[in-house]
PDB file of N, CA and C in Angstrom:
ATOM      1  N   PRO A   1       1.852  -4.731   4.550  1.00  0.00           N
ATOM      2  CA  PRO A   1       1.497  -3.723   5.579  1.00  0.00           C
ATOM      3  C   PRO A   1      -0.024  -3.727   5.852  1.00  0.00           C
ATOM      4  N   LEU A   2      -0.310  -3.418   7.089  1.00  0.00           N
ATOM      5  CA  LEU A   2      -1.667  -3.330   7.460  1.00  0.00           C
ATOM      6  C   LEU A   2      -2.378  -2.247   6.570  1.00  0.00           C
ATOM      7  N   GLY A   3      -3.671  -2.531   6.235  1.00  0.00           N
ATOM      8  CA  GLY A   3      -4.372  -1.608   5.428  1.00  0.00           C
ATOM      9  C   GLY A   3      -4.170  -1.920   3.875  1.00  0.00           C
ATOM     10  N   ALA A   4      -3.249  -2.795   3.551  1.00  0.00           N
ATOM     11  CA  ALA A   4      -3.074  -3.157   2.109  1.00  0.00           C
ATOM     12  C   ALA A   4      -4.198  -4.048   1.754  1.00  0.00           C
ATOM     13  N   ARG A   5      -4.427  -4.165   0.465  1.00  0.00           N
ATOM     14  CA  ARG A   5      -5.444  -4.998  -0.033  1.00  0.00           C
ATOM     15  C   ARG A   5      -5.133  -6.503   0.289  1.00  0.00           C
ATOM     16  N   PRO A   6      -5.985  -7.239   0.942  1.00  0.00           N
ATOM     17  CA  PRO A   6      -5.719  -8.588   1.284  1.00  0.00           C
ATOM     18  C   PRO A   6      -5.729  -9.517   0.164  1.00  0.00           C
ATOM     19  N   PRO A   7      -5.051 -10.596   0.184  1.00  0.00           N
ATOM     20  CA  PRO A   7      -5.116 -11.564  -0.954  1.00  0.00           C
ATOM     21  C   PRO A   7      -6.515 -12.121  -1.111  1.00  0.00           C
ATOM     22  N   SER A   8      -6.962 -12.308  -2.331  1.00  0.00           N
ATOM     23  CA  SER A   8      -8.417 -12.896  -2.393  1.00  0.00           C
ATOM     24  C   SER A   8      -8.514 -14.324  -1.896  1.00  0.00           C
ATOM     25  N   ARG A   9      -7.536 -15.125  -2.145  1.00  0.00           N
ATOM     26  CA  ARG A   9      -7.450 -16.382  -1.590  1.00  0.00           C
ATOM     27  C   ARG A   9      -6.101 -16.918  -1.343  1.00  0.00           C
ATOM     28  N   LEU A  10      -5.855 -17.675  -0.352  1.00  0.00           N
ATOM     29  CA  LEU A  10      -4.531 -18.273  -0.066  1.00  0.00           C
ATOM     30  C   LEU A  10      -4.398 -19.517  -0.820  1.00  0.00           C
ATOM     31  N   CYS A  11      -3.327 -19.708  -1.507  1.00  0.00           N
ATOM     32  CA  CYS A  11      -3.141 -20.826  -2.410  1.00  0.00           C
ATOM     33  C   CYS A  11      -1.779 -21.549  -2.186  1.00  0.00           C
ATOM     34  N   LEU A  12      -1.159 -21.237  -1.072  1.00  0.00           N
ATOM     35  CA  LEU A  12       0.154 -21.849  -0.797  1.00  0.00           C
ATOM     36  C   LEU A  12       0.064 -23.266  -0.341  1.00  0.00           C
ATOM     37  N   SER A  13       1.095 -24.003  -0.528  1.00  0.00           N
ATOM     38  CA  SER A  13       1.174 -25.361  -0.085  1.00  0.00           C
ATOM     39  C   SER A  13       2.007 -25.439   1.181  1.00  0.00           C
ATOM     40  N   ALA A  14       1.598 -25.991   2.250  1.00  0.00           N
ATOM     41  CA  ALA A  14       2.353 -25.996   3.490  1.00  0.00           C
ATOM     42  C   ALA A  14       2.717 -27.433   3.774  1.00  0.00           C
ATOM     43  N   THR A  15       3.991 -27.731   3.604  1.00  0.00           N
ATOM     44  CA  THR A  15       4.476 -29.106   3.881  1.00  0.00           C
ATOM     45  C   THR A  15       5.691 -29.096   4.950  1.00  0.00           C
ATOM     46  N   ASP A  16       6.316 -27.966   5.100  1.00  0.00           N
ATOM     47  CA  ASP A  16       7.319 -27.844   6.111  1.00  0.00           C
ATOM     48  C   ASP A  16       7.134 -26.669   7.043  1.00  0.00           C
ATOM     49  N   VAL A  17       7.936 -26.500   8.071  1.00  0.00           N
ATOM     50  CA  VAL A  17       7.657 -25.466   8.955  1.00  0.00           C
ATOM     51  C   VAL A  17       7.737 -24.091   8.405  1.00  0.00           C
ATOM     52  N   ALA A  18       8.715 -23.837   7.617  1.00  0.00           N
ATOM     53  CA  ALA A  18       8.839 -22.498   6.969  1.00  0.00           C
ATOM     54  C   ALA A  18       7.632 -22.135   6.072  1.00  0.00           C
ATOM     55  N   SER A  19       7.251 -22.996   5.272  1.00  0.00           N
ATOM     56  CA  SER A  19       6.016 -22.725   4.374  1.00  0.00           C
ATOM     57  C   SER A  19       4.829 -22.741   5.141  1.00  0.00           C
ATOM     58  N   ALA A  20       4.687 -23.613   6.216  1.00  0.00           N
ATOM     59  CA  ALA A  20       3.472 -23.552   7.020  1.00  0.00           C
ATOM     60  C   ALA A  20       3.374 -22.253   7.777  1.00  0.00           C
ATOM     61  N   SER A  21       4.505 -21.788   8.368  1.00  0.00           N
ATOM     62  CA  SER A  21       4.513 -20.501   9.037  1.00  0.00           C
ATOM     63  C   SER A  21       4.144 -19.375   8.118  1.00  0.00           C
ATOM     64  N   ALA A  22       4.687 -19.412   6.922  1.00  0.00           N
ATOM     65  CA  ALA A  22       4.517 -18.355   5.972  1.00  0.00           C
ATOM     66  C   ALA A  22       2.984 -18.351   5.536  1.00  0.00           C
ATOM     67  N   LEU A  23       2.338 -19.464   5.311  1.00  0.00           N
ATOM     68  CA  LEU A  23       0.935 -19.528   5.002  1.00  0.00           C
ATOM     69  C   LEU A  23       0.065 -18.980   6.103  1.00  0.00           C
ATOM     70  N   LEU A  24       0.351 -19.420   7.328  1.00  0.00           N
ATOM     71  CA  LEU A  24      -0.432 -18.893   8.409  1.00  0.00           C
ATOM     72  C   LEU A  24      -0.210 -17.478   8.617  1.00  0.00           C
ATOM     73  N   ALA A  25       0.988 -16.962   8.481  1.00  0.00           N
ATOM     74  CA  ALA A  25       1.240 -15.443   8.552  1.00  0.00           C
ATOM     75  C   ALA A  25       0.477 -14.689   7.439  1.00  0.00           C
ATOM     76  N   ALA A  26       0.475 -15.314   6.285  1.00  0.00           N
ATOM     77  CA  ALA A  26      -0.328 -14.691   5.065  1.00  0.00           C
ATOM     78  C   ALA A  26      -1.800 -14.597   5.492  1.00  0.00           C
ATOM     79  N   TYR A  27      -2.319 -15.688   6.035  1.00  0.00           N
ATOM     80  CA  TYR A  27      -3.765 -15.742   6.416  1.00  0.00           C
ATOM     81  C   TYR A  27      -3.988 -14.649   7.529  1.00  0.00           C
ATOM     82  N   ASP A  28      -3.159 -14.599   8.560  1.00  0.00           N
ATOM     83  CA  ASP A  28      -3.370 -13.565   9.627  1.00  0.00           C
ATOM     84  C   ASP A  28      -3.265 -12.202   9.014  1.00  0.00           C
ATOM     85  N   GLU A  29      -2.364 -11.928   8.100  1.00  0.00           N
ATOM     86  CA  GLU A  29      -2.251 -10.573   7.470  1.00  0.00           C
ATOM     87  C   GLU A  29      -3.465 -10.310   6.699  1.00  0.00           C
ATOM     88  N   GLY A  30      -3.900 -11.235   5.862  1.00  0.00           N
ATOM     89  CA  GLY A  30      -5.159 -11.031   5.117  1.00  0.00           C
ATOM     90  C   GLY A  30      -6.309 -10.698   5.997  1.00  0.00           C
ATOM     91  N   HIS A  31      -6.418 -11.424   7.094  1.00  0.00           N
ATOM     92  CA  HIS A  31      -7.512 -11.176   8.079  1.00  0.00           C
ATOM     93  C   HIS A  31      -7.391  -9.720   8.610  1.00  0.00           C
ATOM     94  N   ARG A  32      -6.236  -9.421   9.087  1.00  0.00           N
ATOM     95  CA  ARG A  32      -6.018  -8.046   9.581  1.00  0.00           C
ATOM     96  C   ARG A  32      -6.199  -6.972   8.627  1.00  0.00           C
ATOM     97  N   ALA A  33      -5.693  -7.157   7.408  1.00  0.00           N
ATOM     98  CA  ALA A  33      -5.783  -6.162   6.310  1.00  0.00           C
ATOM     99  C   ALA A  33      -7.312  -5.922   5.925  1.00  0.00           C
ATOM    100  N   THR A  34      -8.070  -6.957   5.896  1.00  0.00           N
ATOM    101  CA  THR A  34      -9.420  -6.775   5.602  1.00  0.00           C
ATOM    102  C   THR A  34     -10.176  -6.052   6.694  1.00  0.00           C
ATOM    103  N   ALA A  35      -9.879  -6.416   7.966  1.00  0.00           N
ATOM    104  CA  ALA A  35     -10.472  -5.654   9.124  1.00  0.00           C
ATOM    105  C   ALA A  35     -10.149  -4.151   9.042  1.00  0.00           C
ATOM    106  N   ALA A  36      -8.951  -3.882   8.650  1.00  0.00           N
ATOM    107  CA  ALA A  36      -8.403  -2.512   8.637  1.00  0.00           C
ATOM    108  C   ALA A  36      -8.879  -1.643   7.493  1.00  0.00           C
ATOM    109  N   GLN A  37      -9.438  -2.244   6.486  1.00  0.00           N
ATOM    110  CA  GLN A  37      -9.928  -1.489   5.349  1.00  0.00           C
ATOM    111  C   GLN A  37     -11.015  -0.484   5.632  1.00  0.00           C
ATOM    112  N   PRO A  38     -10.927   0.686   5.026  1.00  0.00           N
ATOM    113  CA  PRO A  38     -12.030   1.642   5.232  1.00  0.00           C
ATOM    114  C   PRO A  38     -13.260   1.098   4.871  1.00  0.00           C
ATOM    115  N   GLY A  39     -14.331   1.245   5.664  1.00  0.00           N
ATOM    116  CA  GLY A  39     -15.693   0.697   5.361  1.00  0.00           C
ATOM    117  C   GLY A  39     -15.945  -0.715   5.881  1.00  0.00           C
ATOM    118  N   SER A  40     -14.850  -1.340   6.468  1.00  0.00           N
ATOM    119  CA  SER A  40     -15.058  -2.640   7.073  1.00  0.00           C
ATOM    120  C   SER A  40     -16.220  -2.616   8.051  1.00  0.00           C
ATOM    121  N   GLU A  41     -16.992  -3.643   8.116  1.00  0.00           N
ATOM    122  CA  GLU A  41     -18.127  -3.768   8.961  1.00  0.00           C
ATOM    123  C   GLU A  41     -17.784  -4.464  10.296  1.00  0.00           C
ATOM    124  N   GLY A  42     -18.523  -4.086  11.373  1.00  0.00           N
ATOM    125  CA  GLY A  42     -18.373  -4.743  12.628  1.00  0.00           C
ATOM    126  C   GLY A  42     -17.292  -4.022  13.462  1.00  0.00           C
ATOM    127  N   LEU A  43     -17.273  -4.369  14.704  1.00  0.00           N
ATOM    128  CA  LEU A  43     -16.341  -3.769  15.716  1.00  0.00           C
ATOM    129  C   LEU A  43     -14.923  -4.116  15.220  1.00  0.00           C
ATOM    130  N   GLY A  44     -14.136  -3.123  14.867  1.00  0.00           N
ATOM    131  CA  GLY A  44     -12.781  -3.317  14.422  1.00  0.00           C
ATOM    132  C   GLY A  44     -12.656  -4.022  13.049  1.00  0.00           C
ATOM    133  N   GLY A  45     -13.739  -4.035  12.242  1.00  0.00           N
ATOM    134  CA  GLY A  45     -13.884  -4.720  11.002  1.00  0.00           C
ATOM    135  C   GLY A  45     -13.990  -6.223  10.991  1.00  0.00           C
ATOM    136  N   ALA A  46     -14.390  -6.722  12.196  1.00  0.00           N
ATOM    137  CA  ALA A  46     -14.468  -8.128  12.466  1.00  0.00           C
ATOM    138  C   ALA A  46     -15.468  -8.845  11.441  1.00  0.00           C
ATOM    139  N   ILE A  47     -16.577  -8.199  11.167  1.00  0.00           N
ATOM    140  CA  ILE A  47     -17.561  -8.881  10.380  1.00  0.00           C
ATOM    141  C   ILE A  47     -16.982  -9.050   8.865  1.00  0.00           C
ATOM    142  N   SER A  48     -16.316  -7.997   8.407  1.00  0.00           N
ATOM    143  CA  SER A  48     -15.724  -8.116   7.071  1.00  0.00           C
ATOM    144  C   SER A  48     -14.548  -9.075   7.071  1.00  0.00           C
ATOM    145  N   ALA A  49     -13.765  -9.074   8.066  1.00  0.00           N
ATOM    146  CA  ALA A  49     -12.564  -9.998   8.174  1.00  0.00           C
ATOM    147  C   ALA A  49     -13.048 -11.428   8.232  1.00  0.00           C
ATOM    148  N   ASN A  50     -14.074 -11.708   8.966  1.00  0.00           N
ATOM    149  CA  ASN A  50     -14.639 -13.054   9.116  1.00  0.00           C
ATOM    150  C   ASN A  50     -15.232 -13.521   7.802  1.00  0.00           C
ATOM    151  N   ALA A  51     -15.872 -12.582   7.028  1.00  0.00           N
ATOM    152  CA  ALA A  51     -16.460 -12.944   5.733  1.00  0.00           C
ATOM    153  C   ALA A  51     -15.288 -13.281   4.878  1.00  0.00           C
ATOM    154  N   TRP A  52     -14.217 -12.600   4.865  1.00  0.00           N
ATOM    155  CA  TRP A  52     -12.983 -12.892   4.021  1.00  0.00           C
ATOM    156  C   TRP A  52     -12.440 -14.246   4.429  1.00  0.00           C
ATOM    157  N   ALA A  53     -12.381 -14.514   5.719  1.00  0.00           N
ATOM    158  CA  ALA A  53     -11.899 -15.824   6.210  1.00  0.00           C
ATOM    159  C   ALA A  53     -12.683 -16.966   5.720  1.00  0.00           C
ATOM    160  N   VAL A  54     -13.978 -16.864   5.596  1.00  0.00           N
ATOM    161  CA  VAL A  54     -14.799 -17.973   5.161  1.00  0.00           C
ATOM    162  C   VAL A  54     -14.536 -18.295   3.657  1.00  0.00           C
ATOM    163  N   GLU A  55     -14.120 -17.379   2.952  1.00  0.00           N
ATOM    164  CA  GLU A  55     -13.715 -17.506   1.569  1.00  0.00           C
ATOM    165  C   GLU A  55     -12.354 -18.255   1.290  1.00  0.00           C
ATOM    166  N   GLN A  56     -11.581 -18.374   2.364  1.00  0.00           N
ATOM    167  CA  GLN A  56     -10.242 -19.093   2.243  1.00  0.00           C
ATOM    168  C   GLN A  56     -10.425 -20.553   2.257  1.00  0.00           C
ATOM    169  N   PRO A  57      -9.684 -21.262   1.432  1.00  0.00           N
ATOM    170  CA  PRO A  57      -9.802 -22.696   1.499  1.00  0.00           C
ATOM    171  C   PRO A  57      -9.199 -23.320   2.793  1.00  0.00           C
ATOM    172  N   PRO A  58      -9.978 -24.103   3.417  1.00  0.00           N
ATOM    173  CA  PRO A  58      -9.516 -24.603   4.751  1.00  0.00           C
ATOM    174  C   PRO A  58      -8.467 -25.708   4.682  1.00  0.00           C
ATOM    175  N   ALA A  59      -8.338 -26.468   3.560  1.00  0.00           N
ATOM    176  CA  ALA A  59      -7.326 -27.460   3.514  1.00  0.00           C
ATOM    177  C   ALA A  59      -5.797 -26.954   3.672  1.00  0.00           C
ATOM    178  N   PRO A  60      -5.478 -25.907   3.036  1.00  0.00           N
ATOM    179  CA  PRO A  60      -4.040 -25.465   3.226  1.00  0.00           C
ATOM    180  C   PRO A  60      -3.791 -25.006   4.661  1.00  0.00           C
ATOM    181  N   LEU A  61      -4.782 -24.437   5.367  1.00  0.00           N
ATOM    182  CA  LEU A  61      -4.677 -24.047   6.740  1.00  0.00           C
ATOM    183  C   LEU A  61      -4.472 -25.178   7.643  1.00  0.00           C
ATOM    184  N   GLY A  62      -5.390 -26.242   7.339  1.00  0.00           N
ATOM    185  CA  GLY A  62      -5.179 -27.482   8.224  1.00  0.00           C
ATOM    186  C   GLY A  62      -3.836 -28.162   7.944  1.00  0.00           C
ATOM    187  N   GLU A  63      -3.358 -28.170   6.689  1.00  0.00           N
ATOM    188  CA  GLU A  63      -2.159 -28.751   6.411  1.00  0.00           C
ATOM    189  C   GLU A  63      -0.991 -28.001   7.140  1.00  0.00           C
ATOM    190  N   ALA A  64      -1.112 -26.705   7.183  1.00  0.00           N
ATOM    191  CA  ALA A  64      -0.035 -25.813   7.869  1.00  0.00           C
ATOM    192  C   ALA A  64      -0.033 -26.192   9.342  1.00  0.00           C
ATOM    193  N   VAL A  65      -1.236 -26.252   9.940  1.00  0.00           N
ATOM    194  CA  VAL A  65      -1.282 -26.480  11.432  1.00  0.00           C
ATOM    195  C   VAL A  65      -0.715 -27.876  11.677  1.00  0.00           C
ATOM    196  N   ARG A  66      -1.112 -28.797  10.757  1.00  0.00           N
ATOM    197  CA  ARG A  66      -0.539 -30.187  11.010  1.00  0.00           C
ATOM    198  C   ARG A  66       0.953 -30.288  10.867  1.00  0.00           C
ATOM    199  N   ALA A  67       1.521 -29.504   9.923  1.00  0.00           N
ATOM    200  CA  ALA A  67       2.988 -29.451   9.789  1.00  0.00           C
ATOM    201  C   ALA A  67       3.640 -28.875  11.037  1.00  0.00           C
ATOM    202  N   LEU A  68       3.022 -27.772  11.635  1.00  0.00           N
ATOM    203  CA  LEU A  68       3.621 -27.254  12.835  1.00  0.00           C
ATOM    204  C   LEU A  68       3.416 -28.166  14.052  1.00  0.00           C
ATOM    205  N   LEU A  69       2.296 -28.887  14.075  1.00  0.00           N
ATOM    206  CA  LEU A  69       2.044 -29.886  15.133  1.00  0.00           C
ATOM    207  C   LEU A  69       3.104 -31.027  15.071  1.00  0.00           C
ATOM    208  N   ALA A  70       3.410 -31.494  13.788  1.00  0.00           N
ATOM    209  CA  ALA A  70       4.355 -32.564  13.686  1.00  0.00           C
ATOM    210  C   ALA A  70       5.774 -32.020  14.080  1.00  0.00           C
ATOM    211  N   ALA A  71       6.091 -30.792  13.828  1.00  0.00           N
ATOM    212  CA  ALA A  71       7.359 -30.254  14.096  1.00  0.00           C
ATOM    213  C   ALA A  71       7.476 -30.098  15.659  1.00  0.00           C
ATOM    214  N   ALA A  72       6.424 -29.840  16.373  1.00  0.00           N
ATOM    215  CA  ALA A  72       6.327 -29.536  17.861  1.00  0.00           C
ATOM    216  C   ALA A  72       6.403 -30.877  18.623  1.00  0.00           C
ATOM    217  N   LYS A  73       5.990 -32.013  18.005  1.00  0.00           N
ATOM    218  CA  LYS A  73       5.839 -33.318  18.785  1.00  0.00           C
ATOM    219  C   LYS A  73       7.169 -33.777  19.355  1.00  0.00           C
ATOM    220  N   PRO A  74       8.357 -33.593  18.759  1.00  0.00           N
ATOM    221  CA  PRO A  74       9.528 -34.018  19.394  1.00  0.00           C
ATOM    222  C   PRO A  74       9.928 -33.228  20.607  1.00  0.00           C
ATOM    223  N   GLY A  75       9.413 -31.995  20.774  1.00  0.00           N
ATOM    224  CA  GLY A  75       9.538 -31.214  21.911  1.00  0.00           C
ATOM    225  C   GLY A  75       8.462 -31.546  22.940  1.00  0.00           C
ATOM    226  N   ASP A  76       7.724 -30.482  23.348  1.00  0.00           N
ATOM    227  CA  ASP A  76       6.607 -30.710  24.298  1.00  0.00           C
ATOM    228  C   ASP A  76       5.317 -30.953  23.564  1.00  0.00           C
ATOM    229  N   GLY A  77       5.279 -30.849  22.237  1.00  0.00           N
ATOM    230  CA  GLY A  77       4.130 -31.211  21.424  1.00  0.00           C
ATOM    231  C   GLY A  77       3.079 -30.144  21.433  1.00  0.00           C
ATOM    232  N   ARG A  78       3.370 -28.909  22.047  1.00  0.00           N
ATOM    233  CA  ARG A  78       2.387 -27.898  22.105  1.00  0.00           C
ATOM    234  C   ARG A  78       2.366 -26.917  20.947  1.00  0.00           C
ATOM    235  N   ILE A  79       1.177 -26.548  20.561  1.00  0.00           N
ATOM    236  CA  ILE A  79       0.915 -25.470  19.572  1.00  0.00           C
ATOM    237  C   ILE A  79      -0.103 -24.523  20.166  1.00  0.00           C
ATOM    238  N   MET A  80      -0.134 -23.279  19.569  1.00  0.00           N
ATOM    239  CA  MET A  80      -1.191 -22.367  20.073  1.00  0.00           C
ATOM    240  C   MET A  80      -2.063 -22.057  18.865  1.00  0.00           C
ATOM    241  N   LEU A  81      -3.351 -22.094  19.153  1.00  0.00           N
ATOM    242  CA  LEU A  81      -4.331 -21.779  18.040  1.00  0.00           C
ATOM    243  C   LEU A  81      -5.128 -20.594  18.525  1.00  0.00           C
ATOM    244  N   GLY A  82      -5.530 -19.703  17.520  1.00  0.00           N
ATOM    245  CA  GLY A  82      -6.367 -18.536  17.859  1.00  0.00           C
ATOM    246  C   GLY A  82      -7.545 -18.514  16.969  1.00  0.00           C
ATOM    247  N   PHE A  83      -8.649 -18.144  17.404  1.00  0.00           N
ATOM    248  CA  PHE A  83      -9.853 -18.148  16.660  1.00  0.00           C
ATOM    249  C   PHE A  83     -10.576 -16.777  16.704  1.00  0.00           C
ATOM    250  N   CYS A  84     -11.107 -16.336  15.507  1.00  0.00           N
ATOM    251  CA  CYS A  84     -12.077 -15.213  15.466  1.00  0.00           C
ATOM    252  C   CYS A  84     -13.308 -15.782  14.972  1.00  0.00           C
ATOM    253  N   ALA A  85     -14.405 -15.342  15.559  1.00  0.00           N
ATOM    254  CA  ALA A  85     -15.765 -15.803  15.241  1.00  0.00           C
ATOM    255  C   ALA A  85     -16.728 -14.656  15.475  1.00  0.00           C
ATOM    256  N   ASP A  86     -17.927 -14.833  14.909  1.00  0.00           N
ATOM    257  CA  ASP A  86     -19.000 -13.828  14.976  1.00  0.00           C
ATOM    258  C   ASP A  86     -19.568 -13.823  16.379  1.00  0.00           C
ATOM    259  N   ASP A  87     -19.451 -14.932  17.114  1.00  0.00           N
ATOM    260  CA  ASP A  87     -20.028 -15.055  18.489  1.00  0.00           C
ATOM    261  C   ASP A  87     -19.239 -16.140  19.221  1.00  0.00           C
ATOM    262  N   ALA A  88     -19.464 -16.192  20.486  1.00  0.00           N
ATOM    263  CA  ALA A  88     -18.757 -17.132  21.349  1.00  0.00           C
ATOM    264  C   ALA A  88     -19.058 -18.585  20.863  1.00  0.00           C
ATOM    265  N   ALA A  89     -20.308 -18.896  20.699  1.00  0.00           N
ATOM    266  CA  ALA A  89     -20.759 -20.278  20.343  1.00  0.00           C
ATOM    267  C   ALA A  89     -20.007 -20.805  18.993  1.00  0.00           C
ATOM    268  N   SER A  90     -19.934 -19.821  18.069  1.00  0.00           N
ATOM    269  CA  SER A  90     -19.210 -20.193  16.822  1.00  0.00           C
ATOM    270  C   SER A  90     -17.716 -20.401  16.991  1.00  0.00           C
ATOM    271  N   GLY A  91     -17.186 -19.533  18.010  1.00  0.00           N
ATOM    272  CA  GLY A  91     -15.682 -19.687  18.299  1.00  0.00           C
ATOM    273  C   GLY A  91     -15.445 -21.083  18.924  1.00  0.00           C
ATOM    274  N   VAL A  92     -16.316 -21.455  19.861  1.00  0.00           N
ATOM    275  CA  VAL A  92     -16.134 -22.689  20.585  1.00  0.00           C
ATOM    276  C   VAL A  92     -16.348 -23.928  19.618  1.00  0.00           C
ATOM    277  N   ALA A  93     -17.257 -23.738  18.681  1.00  0.00           N
ATOM    278  CA  ALA A  93     -17.519 -24.833  17.687  1.00  0.00           C
ATOM    279  C   ALA A  93     -16.375 -24.935  16.777  1.00  0.00           C
ATOM    280  N   ALA A  94     -15.699 -23.801  16.424  1.00  0.00           N
ATOM    281  CA  ALA A  94     -14.572 -23.901  15.506  1.00  0.00           C
ATOM    282  C   ALA A  94     -13.389 -24.487  16.251  1.00  0.00           C
ATOM    283  N   LEU A  95     -13.200 -24.139  17.528  1.00  0.00           N
ATOM    284  CA  LEU A  95     -12.146 -24.730  18.312  1.00  0.00           C
ATOM    285  C   LEU A  95     -12.321 -26.203  18.463  1.00  0.00           C
ATOM    286  N   LYS A  96     -13.533 -26.675  18.805  1.00  0.00           N
ATOM    287  CA  LYS A  96     -13.750 -28.083  18.920  1.00  0.00           C
ATOM    288  C   LYS A  96     -13.524 -28.853  17.619  1.00  0.00           C
ATOM    289  N   ALA A  97     -13.929 -28.222  16.517  1.00  0.00           N
ATOM    290  CA  ALA A  97     -13.753 -28.948  15.217  1.00  0.00           C
ATOM    291  C   ALA A  97     -12.249 -29.066  14.844  1.00  0.00           C
ATOM    292  N   TRP A  98     -11.435 -28.016  15.142  1.00  0.00           N
ATOM    293  CA  TRP A  98     -10.032 -28.170  14.846  1.00  0.00           C
ATOM    294  C   TRP A  98      -9.393 -29.140  15.836  1.00  0.00           C
ATOM    295  N   VAL A  99      -9.666 -29.087  17.094  1.00  0.00           N
ATOM    296  CA  VAL A  99      -9.123 -29.986  18.029  1.00  0.00           C
ATOM    297  C   VAL A  99      -9.349 -31.453  17.658  1.00  0.00           C
ATOM    298  N   THR A 100     -10.593 -31.707  17.318  1.00  0.00           N
ATOM    299  CA  THR A 100     -10.985 -33.034  16.889  1.00  0.00           C
ATOM    300  C   THR A 100     -10.331 -33.399  15.657  1.00  0.00           C
ATOM    301  N   SER A 101     -10.245 -32.540  14.564  1.00  0.00           N
ATOM    302  CA  SER A 101      -9.618 -32.934  13.319  1.00  0.00           C
ATOM    303  C   SER A 101      -8.139 -33.125  13.490  1.00  0.00           C
ATOM    304  N   LEU A 102      -7.498 -32.350  14.315  1.00  0.00           N
ATOM    305  CA  LEU A 102      -6.057 -32.541  14.524  1.00  0.00           C
ATOM    306  C   LEU A 102      -5.665 -33.615  15.628  1.00  0.00           C
ATOM    307  N   GLY A 103      -6.686 -34.114  16.302  1.00  0.00           N
ATOM    308  CA  GLY A 103      -6.415 -35.160  17.345  1.00  0.00           C
ATOM    309  C   GLY A 103      -5.633 -34.548  18.545  1.00  0.00           C
ATOM    310  N   LEU A 104      -5.956 -33.298  18.874  1.00  0.00           N
ATOM    311  CA  LEU A 104      -5.231 -32.568  19.986  1.00  0.00           C
ATOM    312  C   LEU A 104      -5.905 -32.998  21.286  1.00  0.00           C
ATOM    313  N   PRO A 105      -5.120 -32.945  22.312  1.00  0.00           N
ATOM    314  CA  PRO A 105      -5.648 -33.201  23.648  1.00  0.00           C
ATOM    315  C   PRO A 105      -6.621 -32.111  24.047  1.00  0.00           C
ATOM    316  N   LYS A 106      -7.600 -32.512  24.842  1.00  0.00           N
ATOM    317  CA  LYS A 106      -8.598 -31.532  25.261  1.00  0.00           C
ATOM    318  C   LYS A 106      -8.356 -31.017  26.680  1.00  0.00           C
TER     319      LYS A 106
END
């Protein structure tokens, strides 16, 4: 539930759609829970939530997104990504890095 203490680090392995979805849901919940904690900094707790996000290992998140991308390819091949960043330039840089890393169309 929102407001619960977020996990300190995500450690799941994402190799199929179900585990990839679960990992990304856990990441999203951790981000939201951190933002919702009393005393979180920034508008809506964004600064605190983004600081939590930086502590998460990126490899499992990338594996999860790749697993979902592979599952989407037989269909229309589309996936949706969302980014939170301290500012627009950082958000665009993160988007470009993920698009490049995943080989997504621009």
